[in-house]
Amino acid sequence: MEKGPFGMERILELLPHRAPMLMIDRVLELGDNYIRCEKLVSAAEPVFAGHFPGRPIFPGVLIIEAMAQAAGIWASLSSPALREKLSVLAGVDDVRFRRQVVPGEVLVLEAWSLAARSKLAKFQAKASVGGDAVAEAVLLAAFVSK
């Protein structure tokens, strides 16, 4: 498997997402069943115009999306067959949000493969800022034709 770190150019080759929905800025580390990535939470994120004016908080659903994109990068690199598929979020279980994320913070996203098949994969995922847990979830990804 390819090793990290790598940046935006390679991420754009691996994920179909584009701004404003691309949630991964850098891949820090890759392992046989593990990935660690970064999302730089900028004050210029379009979502902060409405979430919430005067008290910007990065939405929990976007933290889940960021964790899912990290898992999707790992899946696409784990198998040549999966590179030809689109990884879509098929389920989210056991979600816990531990603290809020605000502009200027660096969100570290980690995902561990728990099980993988040709059409589905299950991941344990975690998001943190400065070593403090922000969110965790079990994610289910489905692989569909592009």
Protein backbone atom coordinates (compact mmCIF):
# COMPACT_ATOMS: atom_id res chain seq x y z
CA MET A 1 0.00 0.00 0.00
CA GLU A 2 1.09 3.56 -0.73
CA LYS A 3 2.45 5.41 2.30
CA GLY A 4 1.79 8.99 3.45
CA PRO A 5 2.21 11.78 3.87
CA PHE A 6 0.73 13.36 0.80
CA GLY A 7 -1.27 16.44 -0.06
CA MET A 8 -4.09 17.82 -2.10
CA GLU A 9 -2.92 16.72 -5.55
CA ARG A 10 -3.06 13.03 -4.60
CA ILE A 11 -6.23 13.46 -2.52
CA LEU A 12 -8.01 14.89 -5.58
CA GLU A 13 -7.00 11.78 -7.52
CA LEU A 14 -8.46 9.50 -4.85
CA LEU A 15 -11.68 11.30 -3.87
CA PRO A 16 -14.43 12.59 -6.15
CA HIS A 17 -15.32 15.39 -3.68
CA ARG A 18 -14.56 19.00 -4.51
CA ALA A 19 -14.94 22.29 -2.64
CA PRO A 20 -16.89 23.03 -0.60
CA MET A 21 -17.45 19.35 0.28
CA LEU A 22 -13.84 18.15 0.22
CA MET A 23 -12.96 17.66 3.89
CA ILE A 24 -9.39 16.32 3.70
CA ASP A 25 -6.39 18.63 3.29
CA ARG A 26 -3.56 16.21 3.94
CA VAL A 27 -2.94 12.53 4.54
CA LEU A 28 -0.44 12.16 7.37
CA GLU A 29 -0.10 8.41 7.74
CA LEU A 30 -1.29 5.18 6.11
CA GLY A 31 -1.07 1.66 7.40
CA ASP A 32 -2.39 -1.77 6.50
CA ASN A 33 -5.72 -1.03 8.19
CA TYR A 34 -5.33 2.59 9.30
CA ILE A 35 -5.29 6.18 8.02
CA ARG A 36 -4.67 9.54 9.69
CA CYS A 37 -5.56 12.80 7.91
CA GLU A 38 -5.95 16.53 8.58
CA LYS A 39 -8.70 19.04 7.88
CA LEU A 40 -7.74 22.66 8.44
CA VAL A 41 -10.90 24.37 9.70
CA SER A 42 -10.77 27.85 8.17
CA ALA A 43 -12.87 30.85 9.17
CA ALA A 44 -13.62 31.16 5.42
CA GLU A 45 -15.61 27.87 5.34
CA PRO A 46 -18.98 28.65 3.68
CA VAL A 47 -20.86 26.80 6.43
CA PHE A 48 -19.88 29.38 9.06
CA ALA A 49 -22.11 32.00 7.41
CA GLY A 50 -25.07 30.20 8.93
CA HIS A 51 -23.67 27.87 11.61
CA PHE A 52 -23.78 30.06 13.68
CA PRO A 53 -23.49 33.80 12.96
CA GLY A 54 -21.44 35.32 15.75
CA ARG A 55 -20.50 31.89 17.18
CA PRO A 56 -19.08 29.70 14.42
CA ILE A 57 -19.12 25.97 15.17
CA PHE A 58 -18.08 23.36 12.59
CA PRO A 59 -21.13 21.10 12.13
CA GLY A 60 -21.02 17.57 13.52
CA VAL A 61 -22.35 16.14 10.28
CA LEU A 62 -19.32 17.58 8.47
CA ILE A 63 -17.01 16.00 11.04
CA ILE A 64 -18.68 12.67 10.25
CA GLU A 65 -18.27 13.39 6.53
CA ALA A 66 -14.57 14.17 7.07
CA MET A 67 -14.06 10.88 8.92
CA ALA A 68 -15.88 9.07 6.09
CA GLN A 69 -13.68 10.71 3.45
CA ALA A 70 -10.57 9.61 5.34
CA ALA A 71 -11.92 6.05 5.38
CA GLY A 72 -12.73 6.35 1.67
CA ILE A 73 -9.13 7.29 0.87
CA TRP A 74 -7.88 4.27 2.80
CA ALA A 75 -10.36 1.98 1.00
CA SER A 76 -9.37 3.25 -2.45
CA LEU A 77 -5.70 2.65 -1.67
CA SER A 78 -6.28 -0.77 -0.10
CA SER A 79 -7.49 -2.42 -3.28
CA PRO A 80 -7.07 -1.69 -7.01
CA ALA A 81 -10.65 -2.93 -7.56
CA LEU A 82 -12.01 -0.35 -5.11
CA ARG A 83 -10.24 2.48 -6.96
CA GLU A 84 -12.73 1.89 -9.76
CA LYS A 85 -15.67 2.30 -7.35
CA LEU A 86 -17.25 5.23 -5.57
CA SER A 87 -17.21 4.95 -1.78
CA VAL A 88 -20.47 6.26 -0.30
CA LEU A 89 -21.51 6.51 3.32
CA ALA A 90 -24.03 3.74 4.01
CA GLY A 91 -24.35 3.90 7.80
CA VAL A 92 -23.25 5.66 10.95
CA ASP A 93 -23.45 4.00 14.37
CA ASP A 94 -22.40 4.79 17.91
CA VAL A 95 -21.73 8.48 17.21
CA ARG A 96 -20.48 10.60 20.07
CA PHE A 97 -19.50 14.26 19.93
CA ARG A 98 -17.08 15.23 22.69
CA ARG A 99 -16.49 18.93 22.03
CA GLN A 100 -17.08 21.68 19.49
CA VAL A 101 -14.71 22.54 16.64
CA VAL A 102 -14.18 26.20 15.78
CA PRO A 103 -12.35 28.14 13.04
CA GLY A 104 -8.57 28.00 13.22
CA GLU A 105 -8.40 24.47 14.59
CA VAL A 106 -6.81 21.47 12.89
CA LEU A 107 -9.08 18.45 12.85
CA VAL A 108 -7.17 15.16 12.89
CA LEU A 109 -9.17 12.30 11.40
CA GLU A 110 -8.36 8.65 11.99
CA ALA A 111 -10.05 5.54 10.66
CA TRP A 112 -9.36 1.86 11.23
CA SER A 113 -10.72 -0.83 8.95
CA LEU A 114 -12.75 -3.34 10.96
CA ALA A 115 -14.02 -5.41 8.03
CA ALA A 116 -13.85 -5.07 4.25
CA ARG A 117 -15.55 -6.86 1.40
CA SER A 118 -16.00 -6.09 -2.28
CA LYS A 119 -19.19 -4.05 -1.70
CA LEU A 120 -19.03 -2.92 1.95
CA ALA A 121 -16.48 -1.88 4.57
CA LYS A 122 -16.80 -1.04 8.24
CA PHE A 123 -14.55 1.47 10.02
CA GLN A 124 -13.97 2.74 13.52
CA ALA A 125 -13.34 6.48 13.17
CA LYS A 126 -12.19 9.23 15.47
CA ALA A 127 -11.71 12.99 15.14
CA SER A 128 -9.55 15.06 17.47
CA VAL A 129 -8.09 18.54 17.90
CA GLY A 130 -4.79 18.96 19.69
CA GLY A 131 -5.03 15.44 21.05
CA ASP A 132 -8.51 16.04 22.53
CA ALA A 133 -11.30 13.78 21.26
CA VAL A 134 -13.92 15.64 19.23
CA ALA A 135 -16.03 12.82 17.80
CA GLU A 136 -16.08 9.08 17.23
CA ALA A 137 -18.28 6.76 15.21
CA VAL A 138 -18.54 3.42 13.48
CA LEU A 139 -18.95 4.03 9.74
CA LEU A 140 -20.24 1.74 7.03
CA ALA A 141 -19.12 2.43 3.46
CA ALA A 142 -20.69 0.98 0.33
CA PHE A 143 -18.78 0.73 -2.94
CA VAL A 144 -20.86 1.51 -6.02
CA SER A 145 -20.17 2.04 -9.71
CA LYS A 146 -18.90 5.50 -10.62
